[in-house]
Each structure stands twice: as structure tokens, then as C-alpha cells.
ModelCIF file with pLDDT and N, C-alpha, C, O atoms, coordinates in Angstrom:
data_MODEL
#
_entry.id   MODEL 
#
_entity.id                         1 
_entity.type                       polymer 
_entity.pdbx_number_of_molecules   1 
#
_entity_poly.entity_id                      1 
_entity_poly.type                           'polypeptide(L)' 
_entity_poly.nstd_linkage                   no 
_entity_poly.nstd_monomer                   no 
_entity_poly.pdbx_seq_one_letter_code       GVEVEFVEIDWDNKILELQNKSIDVVWNGMTLTPEVTNAMACTNAYLN 
_entity_poly.pdbx_seq_one_letter_code_can   GVEVEFVEIDWDNKILELQNKSIDVVWNGMTLTPEVTNAMACTNAYLN 
_entity_poly.pdbx_strand_id                 A 
#
loop_
_entity_poly_seq.entity_id 
_entity_poly_seq.num 
_entity_poly_seq.mon_id 
_entity_poly_seq.hetero 
1 1  GLY n 
1 2  VAL n 
1 3  GLU n 
1 4  VAL n 
1 5  GLU n 
1 6  PHE n 
1 7  VAL n 
1 8  GLU n 
1 9  ILE n 
1 10 ASP n 
1 11 TRP n 
1 12 ASP n 
1 13 ASN n 
1 14 LYS n 
1 15 ILE n 
1 16 LEU n 
1 17 GLU n 
1 18 LEU n 
1 19 GLN n 
1 20 ASN n 
1 21 LYS n 
1 22 SER n 
1 23 ILE n 
1 24 ASP n 
1 25 VAL n 
1 26 VAL n 
1 27 TRP n 
1 28 ASN n 
1 29 GLY n 
1 30 MET n 
1 31 THR n 
1 32 LEU n 
1 33 THR n 
1 34 PRO n 
1 35 GLU n 
1 36 VAL n 
1 37 THR n 
1 38 ASN n 
1 39 ALA n 
1 40 MET n 
1 41 ALA n 
1 42 CYS n 
1 43 THR n 
1 44 ASN n 
1 45 ALA n 
1 46 TYR n 
1 47 LEU n 
1 48 ASN n 
#
_struct_asym.id          A 
_struct_asym.entity_id   1 
#
loop_
_ma_qa_metric.id 
_ma_qa_metric.mode 
_ma_qa_metric.name 
_ma_qa_metric.software_group_id 
_ma_qa_metric.type 
1 global pLDDT . pLDDT 
2 local  pLDDT . pLDDT 
#
_ma_qa_metric_global.metric_id      1 
_ma_qa_metric_global.metric_value   95.73 
_ma_qa_metric_global.model_id       1 
_ma_qa_metric_global.ordinal_id     1 
#
loop_
_ma_qa_metric_local.label_asym_id 
_ma_qa_metric_local.label_comp_id 
_ma_qa_metric_local.label_seq_id 
_ma_qa_metric_local.metric_id 
_ma_qa_metric_local.metric_value 
_ma_qa_metric_local.model_id 
_ma_qa_metric_local.ordinal_id 
A GLY 1  2 98.00 1 1  
A VAL 2  2 98.00 1 2  
A GLU 3  2 98.00 1 3  
A VAL 4  2 98.00 1 4  
A GLU 5  2 98.00 1 5  
A PHE 6  2 98.00 1 6  
A VAL 7  2 98.00 1 7  
A GLU 8  2 96.00 1 8  
A ILE 9  2 96.00 1 9  
A ASP 10 2 93.00 1 10 
A TRP 11 2 92.00 1 11 
A ASP 12 2 91.00 1 12 
A ASN 13 2 95.00 1 13 
A LYS 14 2 96.00 1 14 
A ILE 15 2 95.00 1 15 
A LEU 16 2 96.00 1 16 
A GLU 17 2 97.00 1 17 
A LEU 18 2 96.00 1 18 
A GLN 19 2 95.00 1 19 
A ASN 20 2 96.00 1 20 
A LYS 21 2 96.00 1 21 
A SER 22 2 97.00 1 22 
A ILE 23 2 98.00 1 23 
A ASP 24 2 98.00 1 24 
A VAL 25 2 98.00 1 25 
A VAL 26 2 98.00 1 26 
A TRP 27 2 98.00 1 27 
A ASN 28 2 95.00 1 28 
A GLY 29 2 93.00 1 29 
A MET 30 2 94.00 1 30 
A THR 31 2 91.00 1 31 
A LEU 32 2 94.00 1 32 
A THR 33 2 90.00 1 33 
A PRO 34 2 92.00 1 34 
A GLU 35 2 91.00 1 35 
A VAL 36 2 94.00 1 36 
A THR 37 2 96.00 1 37 
A ASN 38 2 96.00 1 38 
A ALA 39 2 96.00 1 39 
A MET 40 2 97.00 1 40 
A ALA 41 2 97.00 1 41 
A CYS 42 2 98.00 1 42 
A THR 43 2 98.00 1 43 
A ASN 44 2 97.00 1 44 
A ALA 45 2 97.00 1 45 
A TYR 46 2 97.00 1 46 
A LEU 47 2 96.00 1 47 
A ASN 48 2 93.00 1 48 
#
loop_
_atom_site.group_PDB 
_atom_site.id 
_atom_site.type_symbol 
_atom_site.label_atom_id 
_atom_site.label_alt_id 
_atom_site.label_comp_id 
_atom_site.label_asym_id 
_atom_site.label_entity_id 
_atom_site.label_seq_id 
_atom_site.pdbx_PDB_ins_code 
_atom_site.Cartn_x 
_atom_site.Cartn_y 
_atom_site.Cartn_z 
_atom_site.occupancy 
_atom_site.B_iso_or_equiv 
_atom_site.pdbx_formal_charge 
_atom_site.auth_seq_id 
_atom_site.auth_comp_id 
_atom_site.auth_asym_id 
_atom_site.auth_atom_id 
_atom_site.pdbx_PDB_model_num 
ATOM 1   N N  . GLY A 1 1  ? -3.666  16.438  9.782   1.00 98.00 ? 1  GLY A N  1 
ATOM 2   C CA . GLY A 1 1  ? -4.492  16.727  10.848  1.00 98.00 ? 1  GLY A CA 1 
ATOM 3   C C  . GLY A 1 1  ? -5.554  15.634  11.209  1.00 98.00 ? 1  GLY A C  1 
ATOM 4   O O  . GLY A 1 1  ? -6.664  15.970  11.621  1.00 98.00 ? 1  GLY A O  1 
ATOM 5   N N  . VAL A 1 2  ? -5.195  14.309  11.048  1.00 98.00 ? 2  VAL A N  1 
ATOM 6   C CA . VAL A 1 2  ? -6.006  13.229  11.203  1.00 98.00 ? 2  VAL A CA 1 
ATOM 7   C C  . VAL A 1 2  ? -5.234  12.090  12.087  1.00 98.00 ? 2  VAL A C  1 
ATOM 8   O O  . VAL A 1 2  ? -4.008  12.085  12.191  1.00 98.00 ? 2  VAL A O  1 
ATOM 9   N N  . GLU A 1 3  ? -6.013  11.206  12.662  1.00 98.00 ? 3  GLU A N  1 
ATOM 10  C CA . GLU A 1 3  ? -5.311  9.991   13.576  1.00 98.00 ? 3  GLU A CA 1 
ATOM 11  C C  . GLU A 1 3  ? -4.786  8.996   12.439  1.00 98.00 ? 3  GLU A C  1 
ATOM 12  O O  . GLU A 1 3  ? -5.248  8.920   11.301  1.00 98.00 ? 3  GLU A O  1 
ATOM 13  N N  . VAL A 1 4  ? -3.828  8.317   12.920  1.00 98.00 ? 4  VAL A N  1 
ATOM 14  C CA . VAL A 1 4  ? -3.327  7.195   12.130  1.00 98.00 ? 4  VAL A CA 1 
ATOM 15  C C  . VAL A 1 4  ? -3.842  5.831   12.646  1.00 98.00 ? 4  VAL A C  1 
ATOM 16  O O  . VAL A 1 4  ? -3.877  5.625   13.859  1.00 98.00 ? 4  VAL A O  1 
ATOM 17  N N  . GLU A 1 5  ? -4.219  4.947   11.810  1.00 98.00 ? 5  GLU A N  1 
ATOM 18  C CA . GLU A 1 5  ? -4.745  3.687   12.203  1.00 98.00 ? 5  GLU A CA 1 
ATOM 19  C C  . GLU A 1 5  ? -3.847  2.579   11.476  1.00 98.00 ? 5  GLU A C  1 
ATOM 20  O O  . GLU A 1 5  ? -3.669  2.596   10.258  1.00 98.00 ? 5  GLU A O  1 
ATOM 21  N N  . PHE A 1 6  ? -3.403  1.802   12.162  1.00 98.00 ? 6  PHE A N  1 
ATOM 22  C CA . PHE A 1 6  ? -2.501  0.680   11.543  1.00 98.00 ? 6  PHE A CA 1 
ATOM 23  C C  . PHE A 1 6  ? -3.374  -0.673  11.520  1.00 98.00 ? 6  PHE A C  1 
ATOM 24  O O  . PHE A 1 6  ? -3.833  -1.160  12.553  1.00 98.00 ? 6  PHE A O  1 
ATOM 25  N N  . VAL A 1 7  ? -3.569  -1.261  10.180  1.00 98.00 ? 7  VAL A N  1 
ATOM 26  C CA . VAL A 1 7  ? -4.264  -2.557  10.070  1.00 98.00 ? 7  VAL A CA 1 
ATOM 27  C C  . VAL A 1 7  ? -3.340  -3.531  9.545   1.00 98.00 ? 7  VAL A C  1 
ATOM 28  O O  . VAL A 1 7  ? -2.661  -3.301  8.543   1.00 98.00 ? 7  VAL A O  1 
ATOM 29  N N  . GLU A 1 8  ? -3.296  -4.559  10.160  1.00 96.00 ? 8  GLU A N  1 
ATOM 30  C CA . GLU A 1 8  ? -2.497  -5.795  9.607   1.00 96.00 ? 8  GLU A CA 1 
ATOM 31  C C  . GLU A 1 8  ? -3.385  -6.463  8.511   1.00 96.00 ? 8  GLU A C  1 
ATOM 32  O O  . GLU A 1 8  ? -4.559  -6.805  8.658   1.00 96.00 ? 8  GLU A O  1 
ATOM 33  N N  . ILE A 1 9  ? -2.563  -6.599  7.299   1.00 96.00 ? 9  ILE A N  1 
ATOM 34  C CA . ILE A 1 9  ? -3.209  -7.106  6.210   1.00 96.00 ? 9  ILE A CA 1 
ATOM 35  C C  . ILE A 1 9  ? -2.622  -8.433  5.548   1.00 96.00 ? 9  ILE A C  1 
ATOM 36  O O  . ILE A 1 9  ? -1.437  -8.691  5.755   1.00 96.00 ? 9  ILE A O  1 
ATOM 37  N N  . ASP A 1 10 ? -3.260  -9.141  4.898   1.00 93.00 ? 10 ASP A N  1 
ATOM 38  C CA . ASP A 1 10 ? -2.630  -10.361 4.111   1.00 93.00 ? 10 ASP A CA 1 
ATOM 39  C C  . ASP A 1 10 ? -2.020  -9.670  2.992   1.00 93.00 ? 10 ASP A C  1 
ATOM 40  O O  . ASP A 1 10 ? -2.662  -8.971  2.208   1.00 93.00 ? 10 ASP A O  1 
ATOM 41  N N  . TRP A 1 11 ? -0.737  -9.880  2.929   1.00 92.00 ? 11 TRP A N  1 
ATOM 42  C CA . TRP A 1 11 ? -0.007  -9.163  1.808   1.00 92.00 ? 11 TRP A CA 1 
ATOM 43  C C  . TRP A 1 11 ? -0.449  -9.509  0.447   1.00 92.00 ? 11 TRP A C  1 
ATOM 44  O O  . TRP A 1 11 ? -0.380  -8.682  -0.462  1.00 92.00 ? 11 TRP A O  1 
ATOM 45  N N  . ASP A 1 12 ? -0.889  -10.666 0.279   1.00 91.00 ? 12 ASP A N  1 
ATOM 46  C CA . ASP A 1 12 ? -1.439  -11.022 -1.049  1.00 91.00 ? 12 ASP A CA 1 
ATOM 47  C C  . ASP A 1 12 ? -2.772  -10.114 -1.558  1.00 91.00 ? 12 ASP A C  1 
ATOM 48  O O  . ASP A 1 12 ? -3.148  -9.910  -2.712  1.00 91.00 ? 12 ASP A O  1 
ATOM 49  N N  . ASN A 1 13 ? -3.263  -9.712  -0.474  1.00 95.00 ? 13 ASN A N  1 
ATOM 50  C CA . ASN A 1 13 ? -4.528  -8.984  -0.794  1.00 95.00 ? 13 ASN A CA 1 
ATOM 51  C C  . ASN A 1 13 ? -4.381  -7.448  -0.668  1.00 95.00 ? 13 ASN A C  1 
ATOM 52  O O  . ASN A 1 13 ? -5.400  -6.766  -0.562  1.00 95.00 ? 13 ASN A O  1 
ATOM 53  N N  . LYS A 1 14 ? -3.180  -6.889  -0.676  1.00 96.00 ? 14 LYS A N  1 
ATOM 54  C CA . LYS A 1 14 ? -3.064  -5.505  -0.465  1.00 96.00 ? 14 LYS A CA 1 
ATOM 55  C C  . LYS A 1 14 ? -3.686  -4.582  -1.515  1.00 96.00 ? 14 LYS A C  1 
ATOM 56  O O  . LYS A 1 14 ? -4.164  -3.500  -1.172  1.00 96.00 ? 14 LYS A O  1 
ATOM 57  N N  . ILE A 1 15 ? -3.687  -5.012  -2.855  1.00 95.00 ? 15 ILE A N  1 
ATOM 58  C CA . ILE A 1 15 ? -4.397  -4.113  -3.863  1.00 95.00 ? 15 ILE A CA 1 
ATOM 59  C C  . ILE A 1 15 ? -5.836  -4.175  -3.648  1.00 95.00 ? 15 ILE A C  1 
ATOM 60  O O  . ILE A 1 15 ? -6.478  -3.126  -3.691  1.00 95.00 ? 15 ILE A O  1 
ATOM 61  N N  . LEU A 1 16 ? -6.512  -5.470  -3.384  1.00 96.00 ? 16 LEU A N  1 
ATOM 62  C CA . LEU A 1 16 ? -7.886  -5.383  -3.013  1.00 96.00 ? 16 LEU A CA 1 
ATOM 63  C C  . LEU A 1 16 ? -8.204  -4.496  -1.843  1.00 96.00 ? 16 LEU A C  1 
ATOM 64  O O  . LEU A 1 16 ? -9.145  -3.703  -1.870  1.00 96.00 ? 16 LEU A O  1 
ATOM 65  N N  . GLU A 1 17 ? -7.350  -4.653  -0.752  1.00 97.00 ? 17 GLU A N  1 
ATOM 66  C CA . GLU A 1 17 ? -7.712  -3.747  0.404   1.00 97.00 ? 17 GLU A CA 1 
ATOM 67  C C  . GLU A 1 17 ? -7.683  -2.297  0.151   1.00 97.00 ? 17 GLU A C  1 
ATOM 68  O O  . GLU A 1 17 ? -8.401  -1.512  0.771   1.00 97.00 ? 17 GLU A O  1 
ATOM 69  N N  . LEU A 1 18 ? -6.838  -1.940  -0.776  1.00 96.00 ? 18 LEU A N  1 
ATOM 70  C CA . LEU A 1 18 ? -6.870  -0.420  -1.246  1.00 96.00 ? 18 LEU A CA 1 
ATOM 71  C C  . LEU A 1 18 ? -8.085  -0.166  -1.946  1.00 96.00 ? 18 LEU A C  1 
ATOM 72  O O  . LEU A 1 18 ? -8.768  0.839   -1.748  1.00 96.00 ? 18 LEU A O  1 
ATOM 73  N N  . GLN A 1 19 ? -8.381  -1.129  -2.821  1.00 95.00 ? 19 GLN A N  1 
ATOM 74  C CA . GLN A 1 19 ? -9.608  -0.685  -3.863  1.00 95.00 ? 19 GLN A CA 1 
ATOM 75  C C  . GLN A 1 19 ? -10.902 -0.811  -3.116  1.00 95.00 ? 19 GLN A C  1 
ATOM 76  O O  . GLN A 1 19 ? -11.853 -0.176  -3.571  1.00 95.00 ? 19 GLN A O  1 
ATOM 77  N N  . ASN A 1 20 ? -11.091 -1.562  -1.998  1.00 96.00 ? 20 ASN A N  1 
ATOM 78  C CA . ASN A 1 20 ? -12.394 -1.520  -1.395  1.00 96.00 ? 20 ASN A CA 1 
ATOM 79  C C  . ASN A 1 20 ? -12.354 -0.661  -0.039  1.00 96.00 ? 20 ASN A C  1 
ATOM 80  O O  . ASN A 1 20 ? -13.223 -0.700  0.832   1.00 96.00 ? 20 ASN A O  1 
ATOM 81  N N  . LYS A 1 21 ? -11.218 0.102   -0.015  1.00 96.00 ? 21 LYS A N  1 
ATOM 82  C CA . LYS A 1 21 ? -11.012 1.204   1.019   1.00 96.00 ? 21 LYS A CA 1 
ATOM 83  C C  . LYS A 1 21 ? -11.085 0.653   2.462   1.00 96.00 ? 21 LYS A C  1 
ATOM 84  O O  . LYS A 1 21 ? -11.539 1.323   3.389   1.00 96.00 ? 21 LYS A O  1 
ATOM 85  N N  . SER A 1 22 ? -10.602 -0.632  2.602   1.00 97.00 ? 22 SER A N  1 
ATOM 86  C CA . SER A 1 22 ? -10.273 -1.144  3.909   1.00 97.00 ? 22 SER A CA 1 
ATOM 87  C C  . SER A 1 22 ? -9.055  -0.420  4.565   1.00 97.00 ? 22 SER A C  1 
ATOM 88  O O  . SER A 1 22 ? -8.881  -0.295  5.778   1.00 97.00 ? 22 SER A O  1 
ATOM 89  N N  . ILE A 1 23 ? -8.220  0.047   3.544   1.00 98.00 ? 23 ILE A N  1 
ATOM 90  C CA . ILE A 1 23 ? -6.959  0.894   3.972   1.00 98.00 ? 23 ILE A CA 1 
ATOM 91  C C  . ILE A 1 23 ? -6.912  1.980   3.060   1.00 98.00 ? 23 ILE A C  1 
ATOM 92  O O  . ILE A 1 23 ? -7.683  2.033   2.102   1.00 98.00 ? 23 ILE A O  1 
ATOM 93  N N  . ASP A 1 24 ? -6.044  2.865   3.297   1.00 98.00 ? 24 ASP A N  1 
ATOM 94  C CA . ASP A 1 24 ? -5.866  4.142   2.488   1.00 98.00 ? 24 ASP A CA 1 
ATOM 95  C C  . ASP A 1 24 ? -4.549  4.044   1.819   1.00 98.00 ? 24 ASP A C  1 
ATOM 96  O O  . ASP A 1 24 ? -4.343  4.646   0.765   1.00 98.00 ? 24 ASP A O  1 
ATOM 97  N N  . VAL A 1 25 ? -3.608  3.277   2.414   1.00 98.00 ? 25 VAL A N  1 
ATOM 98  C CA . VAL A 1 25 ? -2.291  3.316   1.777   1.00 98.00 ? 25 VAL A CA 1 
ATOM 99  C C  . VAL A 1 25 ? -1.501  2.117   2.350   1.00 98.00 ? 25 VAL A C  1 
ATOM 100 O O  . VAL A 1 25 ? -1.684  1.789   3.523   1.00 98.00 ? 25 VAL A O  1 
ATOM 101 N N  . VAL A 1 26 ? -0.595  1.428   1.531   1.00 98.00 ? 26 VAL A N  1 
ATOM 102 C CA . VAL A 1 26 ? 0.253   0.265   1.871   1.00 98.00 ? 26 VAL A CA 1 
ATOM 103 C C  . VAL A 1 26 ? 1.623   0.936   2.144   1.00 98.00 ? 26 VAL A C  1 
ATOM 104 O O  . VAL A 1 26 ? 2.290   1.461   1.252   1.00 98.00 ? 26 VAL A O  1 
ATOM 105 N N  . TRP A 1 27 ? 1.990   0.878   3.448   1.00 98.00 ? 27 TRP A N  1 
ATOM 106 C CA . TRP A 1 27 ? 3.362   1.460   3.921   1.00 98.00 ? 27 TRP A CA 1 
ATOM 107 C C  . TRP A 1 27 ? 4.018   0.492   4.874   1.00 98.00 ? 27 TRP A C  1 
ATOM 108 O O  . TRP A 1 27 ? 3.925   0.452   6.101   1.00 98.00 ? 27 TRP A O  1 
ATOM 109 N N  . ASN A 1 28 ? 4.731   -0.313  4.015   1.00 95.00 ? 28 ASN A N  1 
ATOM 110 C CA . ASN A 1 28 ? 5.218   -1.501  4.837   1.00 95.00 ? 28 ASN A CA 1 
ATOM 111 C C  . ASN A 1 28 ? 6.499   -2.116  4.040   1.00 95.00 ? 28 ASN A C  1 
ATOM 112 O O  . ASN A 1 28 ? 6.575   -3.308  3.742   1.00 95.00 ? 28 ASN A O  1 
ATOM 113 N N  . GLY A 1 29 ? 7.480   -1.162  3.740   1.00 93.00 ? 29 GLY A N  1 
ATOM 114 C CA . GLY A 1 29 ? 8.640   -1.730  3.140   1.00 93.00 ? 29 GLY A CA 1 
ATOM 115 C C  . GLY A 1 29 ? 8.344   -2.556  1.777   1.00 93.00 ? 29 GLY A C  1 
ATOM 116 O O  . GLY A 1 29 ? 8.818   -3.653  1.480   1.00 93.00 ? 29 GLY A O  1 
ATOM 117 N N  . MET A 1 30 ? 7.526   -1.835  1.088   1.00 94.00 ? 30 MET A N  1 
ATOM 118 C CA . MET A 1 30 ? 6.860   -2.448  -0.300  1.00 94.00 ? 30 MET A CA 1 
ATOM 119 C C  . MET A 1 30 ? 7.992   -2.166  -1.368  1.00 94.00 ? 30 MET A C  1 
ATOM 120 O O  . MET A 1 30 ? 8.502   -1.062  -1.557  1.00 94.00 ? 30 MET A O  1 
ATOM 121 N N  . THR A 1 31 ? 8.293   -3.284  -2.008  1.00 91.00 ? 31 THR A N  1 
ATOM 122 C CA . THR A 1 31 ? 9.226   -3.106  -3.216  1.00 91.00 ? 31 THR A CA 1 
ATOM 123 C C  . THR A 1 31 ? 8.347   -2.632  -4.506  1.00 91.00 ? 31 THR A C  1 
ATOM 124 O O  . THR A 1 31 ? 7.245   -3.132  -4.730  1.00 91.00 ? 31 THR A O  1 
ATOM 125 N N  . LEU A 1 32 ? 8.865   -1.730  -5.249  1.00 94.00 ? 32 LEU A N  1 
ATOM 126 C CA . LEU A 1 32 ? 8.273   -1.222  -6.271  1.00 94.00 ? 32 LEU A CA 1 
ATOM 127 C C  . LEU A 1 32 ? 8.356   -2.031  -7.582  1.00 94.00 ? 32 LEU A C  1 
ATOM 128 O O  . LEU A 1 32 ? 9.028   -1.706  -8.561  1.00 94.00 ? 32 LEU A O  1 
ATOM 129 N N  . THR A 1 33 ? 7.598   -3.109  -7.470  1.00 90.00 ? 33 THR A N  1 
ATOM 130 C CA . THR A 1 33 ? 7.501   -4.077  -8.492  1.00 90.00 ? 33 THR A CA 1 
ATOM 131 C C  . THR A 1 33 ? 6.860   -3.570  -9.692  1.00 90.00 ? 33 THR A C  1 
ATOM 132 O O  . THR A 1 33 ? 6.283   -2.497  -9.521  1.00 90.00 ? 33 THR A O  1 
ATOM 133 N N  . PRO A 1 34 ? 6.806   -4.095  -10.942 1.00 92.00 ? 34 PRO A N  1 
ATOM 134 C CA . PRO A 1 34 ? 5.732   -3.704  -11.884 1.00 92.00 ? 34 PRO A CA 1 
ATOM 135 C C  . PRO A 1 34 ? 4.138   -4.064  -11.677 1.00 92.00 ? 34 PRO A C  1 
ATOM 136 O O  . PRO A 1 34 ? 3.194   -3.483  -12.213 1.00 92.00 ? 34 PRO A O  1 
ATOM 137 N N  . GLU A 1 35 ? 4.088   -5.115  -10.809 1.00 91.00 ? 35 GLU A N  1 
ATOM 138 C CA . GLU A 1 35 ? 2.748   -5.485  -10.504 1.00 91.00 ? 35 GLU A CA 1 
ATOM 139 C C  . GLU A 1 35 ? 2.198   -4.150  -9.650  1.00 91.00 ? 35 GLU A C  1 
ATOM 140 O O  . GLU A 1 35 ? 1.158   -3.550  -9.922  1.00 91.00 ? 35 GLU A O  1 
ATOM 141 N N  . VAL A 1 36 ? 3.073   -3.830  -8.612  1.00 94.00 ? 36 VAL A N  1 
ATOM 142 C CA . VAL A 1 36 ? 2.594   -2.940  -7.645  1.00 94.00 ? 36 VAL A CA 1 
ATOM 143 C C  . VAL A 1 36 ? 2.305   -1.487  -8.421  1.00 94.00 ? 36 VAL A C  1 
ATOM 144 O O  . VAL A 1 36 ? 1.274   -0.826  -8.305  1.00 94.00 ? 36 VAL A O  1 
ATOM 145 N N  . THR A 1 37 ? 3.388   -1.173  -9.186  1.00 96.00 ? 37 THR A N  1 
ATOM 146 C CA . THR A 1 37 ? 3.382   0.199   -9.846  1.00 96.00 ? 37 THR A CA 1 
ATOM 147 C C  . THR A 1 37 ? 2.134   0.309   -10.908 1.00 96.00 ? 37 THR A C  1 
ATOM 148 O O  . THR A 1 37 ? 1.568   1.363   -11.200 1.00 96.00 ? 37 THR A O  1 
ATOM 149 N N  . ASN A 1 38 ? 1.868   -0.795  -11.348 1.00 96.00 ? 38 ASN A N  1 
ATOM 150 C CA . ASN A 1 38 ? 0.617   -1.018  -12.326 1.00 96.00 ? 38 ASN A CA 1 
ATOM 151 C C  . ASN A 1 38 ? -0.636  -0.769  -11.664 1.00 96.00 ? 38 ASN A C  1 
ATOM 152 O O  . ASN A 1 38 ? -1.547  -0.165  -12.230 1.00 96.00 ? 38 ASN A O  1 
ATOM 153 N N  . ALA A 1 39 ? -0.731  -1.255  -10.365 1.00 96.00 ? 39 ALA A N  1 
ATOM 154 C CA . ALA A 1 39 ? -2.011  -1.403  -9.810  1.00 96.00 ? 39 ALA A CA 1 
ATOM 155 C C  . ALA A 1 39 ? -2.274  -0.385  -8.798  1.00 96.00 ? 39 ALA A C  1 
ATOM 156 O O  . ALA A 1 39 ? -3.387  -0.341  -8.274  1.00 96.00 ? 39 ALA A O  1 
ATOM 157 N N  . MET A 1 40 ? -1.290  0.494   -8.451  1.00 97.00 ? 40 MET A N  1 
ATOM 158 C CA . MET A 1 40 ? -1.342  1.480   -7.394  1.00 97.00 ? 40 MET A CA 1 
ATOM 159 C C  . MET A 1 40 ? -0.786  2.879   -7.878  1.00 97.00 ? 40 MET A C  1 
ATOM 160 O O  . MET A 1 40 ? 0.006   2.957   -8.817  1.00 97.00 ? 40 MET A O  1 
ATOM 161 N N  . ALA A 1 41 ? -1.217  3.906   -7.228  1.00 97.00 ? 41 ALA A N  1 
ATOM 162 C CA . ALA A 1 41 ? -0.487  5.130   -7.396  1.00 97.00 ? 41 ALA A CA 1 
ATOM 163 C C  . ALA A 1 41 ? 0.638   5.282   -6.271  1.00 97.00 ? 41 ALA A C  1 
ATOM 164 O O  . ALA A 1 41 ? 0.423   5.418   -5.067  1.00 97.00 ? 41 ALA A O  1 
ATOM 165 N N  . CYS A 1 42 ? 1.747   5.237   -6.837  1.00 98.00 ? 42 CYS A N  1 
ATOM 166 C CA . CYS A 1 42 ? 2.963   4.939   -5.821  1.00 98.00 ? 42 CYS A CA 1 
ATOM 167 C C  . CYS A 1 42 ? 3.805   6.159   -5.703  1.00 98.00 ? 42 CYS A C  1 
ATOM 168 O O  . CYS A 1 42 ? 3.965   6.893   -6.678  1.00 98.00 ? 42 CYS A O  1 
ATOM 169 N N  . THR A 1 43 ? 4.368   6.415   -4.509  1.00 98.00 ? 43 THR A N  1 
ATOM 170 C CA . THR A 1 43 ? 5.304   7.386   -4.280  1.00 98.00 ? 43 THR A CA 1 
ATOM 171 C C  . THR A 1 43 ? 6.710   7.137   -4.895  1.00 98.00 ? 43 THR A C  1 
ATOM 172 O O  . THR A 1 43 ? 6.987   6.041   -5.381  1.00 98.00 ? 43 THR A O  1 
ATOM 173 N N  . ASN A 1 44 ? 7.539   8.106   -4.869  1.00 97.00 ? 44 ASN A N  1 
ATOM 174 C CA . ASN A 1 44 ? 8.884   7.892   -5.264  1.00 97.00 ? 44 ASN A CA 1 
ATOM 175 C C  . ASN A 1 44 ? 9.669   7.032   -4.217  1.00 97.00 ? 44 ASN A C  1 
ATOM 176 O O  . ASN A 1 44 ? 9.400   7.058   -3.016  1.00 97.00 ? 44 ASN A O  1 
ATOM 177 N N  . ALA A 1 45 ? 10.679  6.256   -4.777  1.00 97.00 ? 45 ALA A N  1 
ATOM 178 C CA . ALA A 1 45 ? 11.325  5.431   -3.821  1.00 97.00 ? 45 ALA A CA 1 
ATOM 179 C C  . ALA A 1 45 ? 11.918  6.378   -2.724  1.00 97.00 ? 45 ALA A C  1 
ATOM 180 O O  . ALA A 1 45 ? 12.397  7.493   -2.929  1.00 97.00 ? 45 ALA A O  1 
ATOM 181 N N  . TYR A 1 46 ? 11.796  5.706   -1.469  1.00 97.00 ? 46 TYR A N  1 
ATOM 182 C CA . TYR A 1 46 ? 12.593  6.369   -0.346  1.00 97.00 ? 46 TYR A CA 1 
ATOM 183 C C  . TYR A 1 46 ? 13.510  5.645   0.422   1.00 97.00 ? 46 TYR A C  1 
ATOM 184 O O  . TYR A 1 46 ? 14.123  6.208   1.328   1.00 97.00 ? 46 TYR A O  1 
ATOM 185 N N  . LEU A 1 47 ? 13.708  4.214   0.110   1.00 96.00 ? 47 LEU A N  1 
ATOM 186 C CA . LEU A 1 47 ? 14.681  3.471   0.669   1.00 96.00 ? 47 LEU A CA 1 
ATOM 187 C C  . LEU A 1 47 ? 15.067  2.388   -0.310  1.00 96.00 ? 47 LEU A C  1 
ATOM 188 O O  . LEU A 1 47 ? 14.259  1.806   -1.034  1.00 96.00 ? 47 LEU A O  1 
ATOM 189 N N  . ASN A 1 48 ? 16.369  2.164   -0.273  1.00 93.00 ? 48 ASN A N  1 
ATOM 190 C CA . ASN A 1 48 ? 16.973  1.052   -1.017  1.00 93.00 ? 48 ASN A CA 1 
ATOM 191 C C  . ASN A 1 48 ? 16.965  -0.138  -0.149  1.00 93.00 ? 48 ASN A C  1 
ATOM 192 O O  . ASN A 1 48 ? 17.425  -1.204  -0.559  1.00 93.00 ? 48 ASN A O  1 
#
């Protein structure tokens, strides 16, 4: 029940962007690497 807002980010800073609440979610064909899964709450895989 909310609007969606897309914000272009520097991919290197995606974790920091989440932490400081500049964004709410990283949704951009993101590979589930150990770095990502250790630093974020990640969804299940949805694409190969």
C-alpha cells in the first residue's frame, strides 16, 4: 500500500546505503555472495 521509489546507487556502497536508510532494499540482479548474505537479510533465490 505504498509508492515505489527507485534510487540509482553506487554498487560498492549498497550495504552502507541500506544501513543508513537511504534505501530500503537492494533489488537489482544481486548475486547471493557470502559478502551479501553476511551483511544483509536476503530473500530466497528467485533467478539463476
